[in-house]
Structure formats: structure tokens, C-alpha cells
Amino acid sequence: YVKTSDGKNDVKVCQWSQGSKTPSNLGDGPSGTLCQYSESDVHINKPLPTTTAQTASSASTTTETDSSVDASGAGTVAPAGSFEESIVDFGSSKSTEQGSTDESANAPSALSSSSSATTDISQTAVQQSSSASNSSSPSQSAPTNSTGSVPDGKWPTSKGTVRYAQPYTVKSGEIFDGKMKTFERSDITCEGQTESGSKTAVFLVEAGGTLKNVIIGKNQMEGVHCDNSDCTIENVWWDDVCEDALSIKGGSASSVTTVTGGGARSADDKVIQHNGFGTVKIDGFYAEDFGKLYRSCGTCGDKPKKVILSNVYAVNPSVSIVTVNKNYNDQAKLTNIHVKSSKPKVKVCQWSQGGSSPKNLGDGPSGTLCQYSESDIHINE
């Protein structure tokens, strides 16, 4: 219990520094084993309880951050919740969807969406919330969408915002659980379809790493990179796709990257870009206002790729659900795909001639190239 003389709630409960001859402050707030407490443990300018028992619903707080702290040095990866973390209003607020600038720009969105309100990182004061549902425990953070079923099109509510000054690396064997907070960059804003590489991503997931329960915010360019394939992406949501949402590179013919649950919206071009080898499995994914949900790289040379899509809900695709390369012997298999579109024709599986300047050849079921039947596709049903 903390009471301030000026009545302000901007109290640093647990601050962390870089120990040395001249210690420097890095940030504050809950952070792994470093600062162990939950929001329900801290009560700022709240009356003392009348009984010894205090429930989690009595008060919950969020943390502030020092805006003046620089990011970690080169070669150092900032841990979750470090340096520039600002937890914001937990309630959702309606946001205006940024329309695609490509041929789907005039197509209205079929679903309304919501996202959490955010504040400038220069000052995020401690805020109070009386709802017990604000707990950041994993059991309360995951949306209802699950593998094996088609998403319902509902967007998750953010539990706060974390900003990094450089990409966070999810190591091989690590499971990074974002507990449904929004993660973005503090030093980058979207520049449309400008190619920039992994340095402008929010997360770099190594082969064998798992990224789960994360919302990728709009302040970034390359979203998530899986640069050696064999990544697990689970319940990850891209709030406003910039150049690409997920880039998959490297690996081998036996590599498998899985994307389970989650979703993406407002992608001018591609959501998932597959430049590497192996297979990408996408299950239970939601996409809204996008160019292509999956694109097998057409300019990366003869690297046969496979994609397996199931239980997908796609709203207003402007180009296709999937685009693969015929001359590179790509393979796409689609089952239980639900599409809602304002256009009379939807290209479910499009095929192109890969090369320095890929050319579209056609679309529709075609041998091993585009494997699906009419019963697998449900358009405006």
C-alpha cells in the first residue's frame, strides 16, 4: 500500500538498474524473477483494507516507465518488459481500420474490430483499474480461438503495450508468452512496402523457438522473422501489418513452421512471406483486409515449398488466399477455408511463374500445385 503526498499515482514500485561503478536505471515494473509481483499486489492511494484478506478485485495497477532510458547496447537483447515498457488502459477502444492501399482499398471491412488504447511512451502514468479481469495470468489472457476450429473474427483485447528499441530474439527452445500484450518498436514507424529486413522486426524467432499470445502493434516494419524456419507461432496477432507480418527463411526441405491461431489485418500485400525451404502449416488463422495470406517467394530461386492451410477465416482478400510458384513445384493444400468478400470472384489459390519478375499464370485447383475441392471452400456462406 502506497500513499503519495501529492496524490499522484506515478510511483515506481520496483525499479531495475544496471549495476556497475556508476549504476544506471533501466526501467521498472514486473519483470520475470527480477521484480516479482502482480498488479493486484500493489495499491496506490487506495484505502487500507478493513479485513486482513484482500482480493485481487480490490485494485489492480499498471506500471510506468522512464522515458529517458536508452535501449540496450548492440548485441544485447532486451528482455520482455524491459527498457521501454508502457502498460496502458486495459479496456478496449474502437479504432479506425487503416484500409489497404492496393486494389482492395475501396472494399469495406466486413467486421468491426477493436484494439487497446495506447499512450506515448514519453510518460505512461500508473493507472488504476477495478476489474479483476485485468489480471495478466496466462489463464485469462488467451482468446477463445483454438486450433481445429474456424476463428470467429473477434479481435483480442490488448493487456498493455511493450516497446523495444531493437528486435527481441526468442532463442531455440524458448517459449515466449506475451500474455496478450501489444509489442512494437519504440524507434520505428511503418514505411509501407519498403523492404528493410530483420532489423526492423519486433521479434526474431530462432529455429525451435516459440512465440505465443502476442499482439504486434503498428510501430514496426517487418513484424516477426523466423530466419531459419522451424518456428512455432501460436496465437499471435498483427494489428496493422506493415511490409510483411511473418517472414520465414532458411531451413531445409524437412523444416516445418507452424502458425496456429492468431490473425492479421490491414496488410497492403502479404501476411506470411515464405522465402525458405520446407513446409508452413497454418491452422485456425484469421485475416482481414489483406493482399495475400500466404506467398511462396517468386524471386528466391528454385526452392520448392509446401503450405497447408486449414480452418481459415479470410475477410476481403484483394489478391488471393495463397499464391505459389508453378515452375518451382510448390504445393498448397487447403481445407475448410471460409472467405467473406465484397468482390464477386475470389482467387483462393493463385499460381505464378517464379523468376526475377514473377508472372501470374492462373488460379484454382491444379494437381499438387493447388490441392482443394469445392467443398473445402466457403465463400460468403
Protein backbone atom coordinates (compact mmCIF):
# COMPACT_ATOMS: atom_id res chain seq x y z
CA TYR A 1 0.00 0.00 0.00
CA VAL A 2 1.44 3.33 -1.08
CA LYS A 3 0.20 6.82 -0.29
CA THR A 4 1.74 9.82 -2.02
CA SER A 5 1.75 13.34 -0.60
CA ASP A 6 0.67 14.90 -3.88
CA GLY A 7 -2.00 12.32 -4.62
CA LYS A 8 -0.31 11.28 -7.85
CA ASN A 9 -0.17 7.65 -8.86
CA ASP A 10 3.13 7.66 -10.75
CA VAL A 11 5.04 5.54 -8.26
CA LYS A 12 7.91 3.25 -9.20
CA VAL A 13 7.24 0.12 -7.19
CA CYS A 14 10.17 -1.97 -8.35
CA GLN A 15 12.90 -0.28 -10.36
CA TRP A 16 15.79 -2.05 -12.06
CA SER A 17 19.25 -0.73 -12.83
CA GLN A 18 22.48 -1.74 -14.49
CA GLY A 19 24.88 -2.38 -11.64
CA SER A 20 28.41 -1.06 -12.08
CA LYS A 21 30.74 1.59 -10.71
CA THR A 22 28.17 4.07 -11.94
CA PRO A 23 24.75 2.35 -11.84
CA SER A 24 22.23 3.47 -14.42
CA ASN A 25 18.47 2.98 -14.22
CA LEU A 26 16.95 0.79 -16.95
CA GLY A 27 13.26 0.64 -16.16
CA ASP A 28 10.69 -0.52 -13.64
CA GLY A 29 7.70 -2.78 -13.21
CA PRO A 30 7.17 -6.56 -13.06
CA SER A 31 9.97 -8.41 -14.84
CA GLY A 32 10.44 -12.17 -14.50
CA THR A 33 12.36 -13.09 -11.36
CA LEU A 34 13.81 -9.59 -11.12
CA CYS A 35 10.66 -7.84 -9.88
CA GLN A 36 8.11 -10.41 -8.84
CA TYR A 37 4.65 -9.05 -8.13
CA SER A 38 1.29 -8.83 -9.81
CA GLU A 39 -0.92 -5.83 -10.34
CA SER A 40 -3.25 -6.94 -7.55
CA ASP A 41 -0.36 -6.79 -5.05
CA VAL A 42 0.11 -3.03 -5.36
CA HIS A 43 -2.40 -0.42 -4.16
CA ILE A 44 -1.56 3.25 -4.72
CA ASN A 45 -3.59 5.89 -2.90
CA LYS A 46 -6.16 3.28 -2.02
CA PRO A 47 -7.71 2.89 1.45
CA LEU A 48 -6.32 0.22 3.69
CA PRO A 49 -8.43 -2.95 3.81
CA THR A 50 -10.87 -3.35 6.65
CA THR A 51 -10.02 -7.03 6.87
CA THR A 52 -6.77 -8.94 6.50
CA ALA A 53 -7.97 -10.60 3.32
CA GLN A 54 -7.55 -8.57 0.19
CA THR A 55 -8.89 -9.93 -3.08
CA ALA A 56 -7.43 -9.36 -6.47
CA SER A 57 -10.53 -7.41 -7.47
CA SER A 58 -9.88 -4.66 -4.94
CA ALA A 59 -7.34 -2.93 -7.13
CA SER A 60 -5.04 -3.58 -9.98
CA THR A 61 -2.40 -1.27 -11.30
CA THR A 62 -0.22 -0.78 -14.24
CA THR A 63 3.34 0.37 -14.32
CA GLU A 64 5.15 3.42 -15.58
CA THR A 65 8.44 3.64 -17.36
CA ASP A 66 11.32 6.05 -17.54
CA SER A 67 11.15 7.62 -20.97
CA SER A 68 14.73 8.82 -20.76
CA VAL A 69 16.33 5.38 -20.61
CA ASP A 70 18.27 4.37 -23.70
CA ALA A 71 17.86 0.95 -25.26
CA SER A 72 20.30 -1.84 -24.68
CA GLY A 73 23.62 -1.76 -26.46
CA ALA A 74 24.47 -3.57 -29.64
CA GLY A 75 24.42 -7.31 -29.30
CA THR A 76 22.20 -7.22 -26.21
CA VAL A 77 18.62 -8.41 -26.36
CA ALA A 78 16.12 -6.58 -24.21
CA PRO A 79 14.07 -8.94 -22.03
CA ALA A 80 10.30 -8.84 -22.08
CA GLY A 81 9.04 -5.95 -20.03
CA SER A 82 12.34 -4.07 -20.12
CA PHE A 83 13.62 -0.64 -21.07
CA GLU A 84 10.61 0.84 -22.74
CA GLU A 85 7.54 -0.90 -21.42
CA SER A 86 4.37 1.09 -21.03
CA ILE A 87 1.26 -0.66 -19.82
CA VAL A 88 -1.82 1.17 -20.91
CA ASP A 89 -5.56 1.16 -20.43
CA PHE A 90 -6.76 -2.41 -20.36
CA GLY A 91 -10.19 -1.59 -21.76
CA SER A 92 -10.64 -1.88 -25.49
CA SER A 93 -11.44 1.16 -27.58
CA LYS A 94 -12.80 1.32 -31.10
CA SER A 95 -10.21 2.11 -33.71
CA THR A 96 -10.49 3.12 -37.33
CA GLU A 97 -9.12 0.43 -39.56
CA GLN A 98 -6.40 1.52 -41.98
CA GLY A 99 -7.53 0.43 -45.40
CA SER A 100 -5.32 -1.40 -47.84
CA THR A 101 -3.70 0.82 -50.45
CA ASP A 102 -3.80 -1.84 -53.15
CA GLU A 103 -6.73 -2.95 -55.28
CA SER A 104 -8.81 -3.74 -52.21
CA ALA A 105 -8.63 -0.19 -50.89
CA ASN A 106 -12.27 0.53 -51.63
CA ALA A 107 -13.59 -2.71 -50.24
CA PRO A 108 -15.38 -2.15 -46.92
CA SER A 109 -14.37 -4.21 -43.94
CA ALA A 110 -16.86 -6.91 -43.17
CA LEU A 111 -16.12 -6.91 -39.47
CA SER A 112 -15.68 -4.22 -36.87
CA SER A 113 -12.59 -4.51 -34.74
CA SER A 114 -11.15 -3.16 -31.54
CA SER A 115 -7.74 -2.60 -30.09
CA SER A 116 -6.42 -1.32 -26.81
CA ALA A 117 -5.79 2.37 -26.35
CA THR A 118 -2.13 3.33 -26.25
CA THR A 119 -0.24 6.31 -24.97
CA ASP A 120 3.02 7.96 -25.92
CA ILE A 121 5.99 6.28 -24.32
CA SER A 122 7.31 9.61 -23.06
CA GLN A 123 5.11 9.27 -19.99
CA THR A 124 2.83 6.42 -19.01
CA ALA A 125 1.48 7.03 -15.56
CA VAL A 126 0.34 4.32 -13.21
CA GLN A 127 -3.34 3.82 -13.80
CA GLN A 128 -5.94 2.14 -11.65
CA SER A 129 -8.46 -0.43 -12.76
CA SER A 130 -11.11 -2.05 -10.65
CA SER A 131 -11.73 -5.03 -12.87
CA ALA A 132 -10.41 -8.37 -11.71
CA SER A 133 -10.23 -9.44 -15.35
CA ASN A 134 -7.18 -7.23 -15.77
CA SER A 135 -5.01 -9.96 -14.32
CA SER A 136 -2.15 -10.84 -16.64
CA SER A 137 -2.18 -14.50 -15.72
CA PRO A 138 -1.92 -16.81 -18.75
CA SER A 139 -5.24 -18.46 -17.98
CA GLN A 140 -7.04 -15.17 -18.54
CA SER A 141 -5.03 -13.89 -21.46
CA ALA A 142 -5.78 -16.30 -24.28
CA PRO A 143 -8.77 -15.65 -26.58
CA THR A 144 -11.35 -18.29 -27.29
CA ASN A 145 -9.90 -19.14 -30.71
CA SER A 146 -8.34 -22.59 -30.74
CA THR A 147 -6.77 -24.96 -33.21
CA GLY A 148 -9.15 -27.27 -35.05
CA SER A 149 -11.91 -24.67 -35.40
CA VAL A 150 -12.53 -21.69 -37.64
CA PRO A 151 -11.94 -18.31 -35.94
CA ASP A 152 -14.96 -16.15 -35.20
CA GLY A 153 -13.39 -12.90 -36.41
CA LYS A 154 -13.15 -11.30 -32.99
CA TRP A 155 -10.00 -9.35 -32.25
CA PRO A 156 -8.32 -9.85 -28.86
CA THR A 157 -8.11 -7.07 -26.29
CA SER A 158 -4.59 -5.93 -25.52
CA LYS A 159 -3.38 -6.17 -21.93
CA GLY A 160 -0.88 -3.35 -22.36
CA THR A 161 1.95 -2.20 -24.60
CA VAL A 162 5.65 -3.09 -24.59
CA ARG A 163 8.08 -1.21 -26.82
CA TYR A 164 11.53 -2.42 -27.82
CA ALA A 165 14.38 -0.34 -29.23
CA GLN A 166 15.68 -3.39 -31.10
CA PRO A 167 14.31 -6.83 -32.05
CA TYR A 168 13.77 -9.31 -29.24
CA THR A 169 15.29 -12.71 -30.02
CA VAL A 170 13.32 -15.80 -28.98
CA LYS A 171 16.02 -18.41 -28.54
CA SER A 172 15.85 -22.03 -29.67
CA GLY A 173 13.90 -23.98 -27.06
CA GLU A 174 12.47 -20.81 -25.51
CA ILE A 175 8.73 -20.26 -25.16
CA PHE A 176 7.97 -16.54 -25.14
CA ASP A 177 4.48 -15.95 -23.73
CA GLY A 178 3.43 -12.33 -24.25
CA LYS A 179 0.26 -12.74 -22.17
CA MET A 180 -1.70 -10.83 -24.84
CA LYS A 181 0.19 -7.58 -24.55
CA THR A 182 0.94 -5.47 -27.61
CA PHE A 183 4.60 -5.45 -28.68
CA GLU A 184 6.07 -2.91 -31.06
CA ARG A 185 9.19 -0.84 -31.69
CA SER A 186 9.94 2.44 -29.93
CA ASP A 187 12.21 3.70 -32.71
CA ILE A 188 10.40 2.65 -35.89
CA THR A 189 7.20 3.52 -37.70
CA CYS A 190 5.77 1.75 -40.72
CA GLU A 191 7.02 2.86 -44.14
CA GLY A 192 4.62 0.83 -46.24
CA GLN A 193 6.12 -1.72 -48.62
CA THR A 194 9.72 -0.58 -48.07
CA GLU A 195 11.99 -3.63 -47.77
CA SER A 196 14.05 -3.32 -44.59
CA GLY A 197 14.97 -6.79 -43.31
CA SER A 198 15.02 -8.31 -39.85
CA LYS A 199 16.50 -5.24 -38.15
CA THR A 200 13.06 -3.59 -38.22
CA ALA A 201 11.19 -6.61 -36.84
CA VAL A 202 9.75 -6.81 -33.34
CA PHE A 203 10.65 -10.47 -32.77
CA LEU A 204 13.32 -12.74 -34.23
CA VAL A 205 12.35 -16.35 -33.57
CA GLU A 206 15.14 -18.90 -33.82
CA ALA A 207 14.58 -22.44 -35.10
CA GLY A 208 12.98 -24.35 -32.24
CA GLY A 209 11.65 -21.18 -30.60
CA THR A 210 8.00 -20.49 -29.75
CA LEU A 211 6.24 -17.13 -29.81
CA LYS A 212 2.75 -17.15 -28.31
CA ASN A 213 -0.03 -14.90 -27.01
CA VAL A 214 1.34 -11.73 -28.59
CA ILE A 215 -0.20 -8.76 -30.41
CA ILE A 216 2.15 -7.00 -32.83
CA GLY A 217 1.48 -3.25 -32.85
CA LYS A 218 1.62 -0.85 -35.78
CA ASN A 219 5.00 0.70 -34.94
CA GLN A 220 7.26 -1.74 -36.79
CA MET A 221 8.05 -2.74 -40.35
CA GLU A 222 8.79 -6.47 -40.55
CA GLY A 223 6.70 -7.86 -37.69
CA VAL A 224 8.10 -11.29 -36.87
CA HIS A 225 11.06 -13.02 -38.53
CA CYS A 226 11.71 -16.76 -38.50
CA ASP A 227 15.01 -16.69 -40.35
CA ASN A 228 15.93 -20.37 -40.05
CA SER A 229 12.45 -21.92 -40.33
CA ASP A 230 11.18 -24.49 -37.79
CA CYS A 231 9.43 -21.87 -35.65
CA THR A 232 6.22 -22.19 -33.66
CA ILE A 233 3.90 -19.18 -33.87
CA GLU A 234 0.88 -19.58 -31.61
CA ASN A 235 -1.96 -17.12 -31.08
CA VAL A 236 -0.01 -14.16 -32.49
CA TRP A 237 -1.99 -11.20 -33.85
CA TRP A 238 -0.76 -8.46 -36.17
CA ASP A 239 -2.82 -5.35 -35.52
CA ASP A 240 -1.70 -3.38 -38.57
CA VAL A 241 0.62 -5.23 -40.95
CA CYS A 242 3.38 -3.13 -42.50
CA GLU A 243 5.68 -4.75 -45.11
CA ASP A 244 5.02 -8.34 -44.00
CA ALA A 245 3.57 -9.87 -40.86
CA LEU A 246 5.67 -13.05 -40.72
CA SER A 247 8.78 -13.79 -42.80
CA ILE A 248 10.03 -17.39 -42.94
CA LYS A 249 13.51 -18.01 -44.34
CA GLY A 250 16.28 -20.60 -44.41
CA GLY A 251 15.80 -24.13 -43.13
CA SER A 252 15.81 -27.34 -45.14
CA ALA A 253 13.36 -29.44 -47.13
CA SER A 254 12.27 -31.14 -43.89
CA SER A 255 11.67 -27.88 -41.99
CA VAL A 256 8.19 -27.24 -40.61
CA THR A 257 6.99 -23.90 -39.29
CA THR A 258 3.55 -23.85 -37.65
CA VAL A 259 1.20 -20.91 -37.33
CA THR A 260 -1.68 -21.81 -35.04
CA GLY A 261 -4.49 -19.42 -34.18
CA GLY A 262 -3.96 -15.67 -34.25
CA GLY A 263 -4.67 -13.28 -37.08
CA ALA A 264 -3.63 -10.24 -39.08
CA ARG A 265 -5.32 -7.24 -40.61
CA SER A 266 -4.62 -4.26 -42.86
CA ALA A 267 -1.88 -5.85 -44.99
CA ASP A 268 -1.30 -3.97 -48.23
CA ASP A 269 0.42 -7.02 -49.67
CA LYS A 270 1.47 -10.24 -47.94
CA VAL A 271 0.70 -11.55 -44.47
CA ILE A 272 3.03 -14.57 -44.46
CA GLN A 273 6.06 -14.48 -46.74
CA HIS A 274 7.81 -17.84 -47.25
CA ASN A 275 11.33 -17.41 -48.62
CA GLY A 276 12.96 -20.53 -47.20
CA PHE A 277 12.62 -24.27 -47.61
CA GLY A 278 10.18 -26.79 -46.17
CA THR A 279 6.56 -26.59 -45.07
CA VAL A 280 4.42 -23.95 -43.42
CA LYS A 281 1.31 -25.16 -41.59
CA ILE A 282 -1.38 -22.54 -40.93
CA ASP A 283 -4.36 -23.56 -38.81
CA GLY A 284 -7.17 -21.55 -37.24
CA PHE A 285 -5.93 -18.20 -38.60
CA TYR A 286 -7.99 -15.04 -39.16
CA ALA A 287 -7.07 -12.45 -41.82
CA GLU A 288 -8.86 -9.22 -42.68
CA ASP A 289 -8.22 -6.67 -45.43
CA PHE A 290 -5.08 -8.11 -46.97
CA GLY A 291 -3.43 -8.83 -50.31
CA LYS A 292 -2.24 -12.43 -49.94
CA LEU A 293 -2.42 -14.52 -46.79
CA TYR A 294 0.50 -16.72 -47.90
CA ARG A 295 3.04 -16.08 -50.63
CA SER A 296 5.72 -18.50 -51.69
CA CYS A 297 8.61 -16.28 -52.74
CA GLY A 298 8.66 -15.85 -56.50
CA THR A 299 12.12 -14.28 -56.69
CA CYS A 300 14.06 -16.59 -54.34
CA GLY A 301 15.00 -19.21 -56.91
CA ASP A 302 14.06 -22.86 -57.25
CA LYS A 303 13.21 -23.73 -53.64
CA PRO A 304 10.13 -25.98 -53.61
CA LYS A 305 7.82 -25.03 -50.76
CA LYS A 306 4.71 -26.51 -49.22
CA VAL A 307 1.89 -24.79 -47.39
CA ILE A 308 -1.02 -26.44 -45.58
CA LEU A 309 -3.95 -24.19 -44.66
CA SER A 310 -6.90 -25.34 -42.58
CA ASN A 311 -9.72 -23.71 -40.65
CA VAL A 312 -9.00 -20.23 -42.00
CA TYR A 313 -11.38 -17.26 -41.95
CA ALA A 314 -10.42 -14.60 -44.52
CA VAL A 315 -12.18 -11.27 -44.99
CA ASN A 316 -11.68 -9.13 -48.09
CA PRO A 317 -8.60 -10.61 -49.75
CA SER A 318 -7.58 -8.27 -52.57
CA VAL A 319 -5.36 -10.74 -54.48
CA SER A 320 -5.60 -14.32 -53.20
CA ILE A 321 -5.59 -16.53 -50.16
CA VAL A 322 -2.47 -18.33 -51.40
CA THR A 323 -0.02 -17.66 -54.22
CA VAL A 324 2.52 -20.35 -55.17
CA ASN A 325 5.01 -20.89 -58.00
CA LYS A 326 4.21 -23.45 -60.67
CA ASN A 327 7.72 -23.73 -62.10
CA TYR A 328 9.27 -24.31 -58.66
CA ASN A 329 6.94 -27.25 -57.92
CA ASP A 330 5.36 -25.60 -54.90
CA GLN A 331 2.48 -27.38 -53.21
CA ALA A 332 -0.54 -25.90 -51.45
CA LYS A 333 -3.25 -27.86 -49.66
CA LEU A 334 -6.35 -26.07 -48.39
CA THR A 335 -9.22 -27.39 -46.26
CA ASN A 336 -12.13 -25.67 -44.54
CA ILE A 337 -11.41 -22.17 -45.83
CA HIS A 338 -14.09 -19.55 -45.15
CA VAL A 339 -13.99 -16.30 -47.12
CA LYS A 340 -16.10 -13.17 -46.83
CA SER A 341 -15.61 -10.78 -49.71
CA SER A 342 -17.22 -7.76 -51.33
CA LYS A 343 -15.87 -8.95 -54.70
CA PRO A 344 -17.75 -11.32 -56.99
CA LYS A 345 -14.68 -13.52 -57.59
CA VAL A 346 -12.12 -14.67 -55.05
CA LYS A 347 -8.82 -16.26 -56.05
CA VAL A 348 -8.32 -18.95 -53.47
CA CYS A 349 -5.10 -20.45 -54.81
CA GLN A 350 -3.19 -18.49 -57.44
CA TRP A 351 -0.13 -19.75 -59.30
CA SER A 352 2.67 -17.79 -60.84
CA GLN A 353 5.84 -18.24 -62.87
CA GLY A 354 8.69 -17.60 -60.46
CA GLY A 355 11.64 -15.56 -61.65
CA SER A 356 13.16 -12.10 -61.49
CA SER A 357 9.73 -10.73 -62.40
CA PRO A 358 7.08 -13.28 -61.37
CA LYS A 359 4.05 -13.53 -63.67
CA ASN A 360 0.64 -14.78 -62.65
CA LEU A 361 -0.48 -17.77 -64.72
CA GLY A 362 -3.86 -18.69 -63.29
CA ASP A 363 -5.74 -19.86 -60.23
CA GLY A 364 -7.89 -22.68 -58.98
CA PRO A 365 -7.34 -26.38 -58.19
CA SER A 366 -4.38 -27.77 -60.13
CA GLY A 367 -2.81 -31.15 -59.37
CA THR A 368 -0.35 -30.98 -56.49
CA LEU A 369 0.12 -27.25 -57.03
CA CYS A 370 -3.24 -26.19 -55.57
CA GLN A 371 -4.92 -29.07 -53.77
CA TYR A 372 -8.52 -28.47 -52.69
CA SER A 373 -12.06 -29.27 -53.70
CA GLU A 374 -15.12 -27.07 -53.92
CA SER A 375 -16.39 -28.46 -50.62
CA ASP A 376 -13.25 -27.13 -48.89
CA ILE A 377 -14.01 -23.51 -49.78
CA HIS A 378 -16.90 -21.48 -48.37
CA ILE A 379 -17.33 -18.01 -49.87
CA ASN A 380 -19.89 -15.62 -48.36
CA GLU A 381 -21.74 -18.51 -46.77
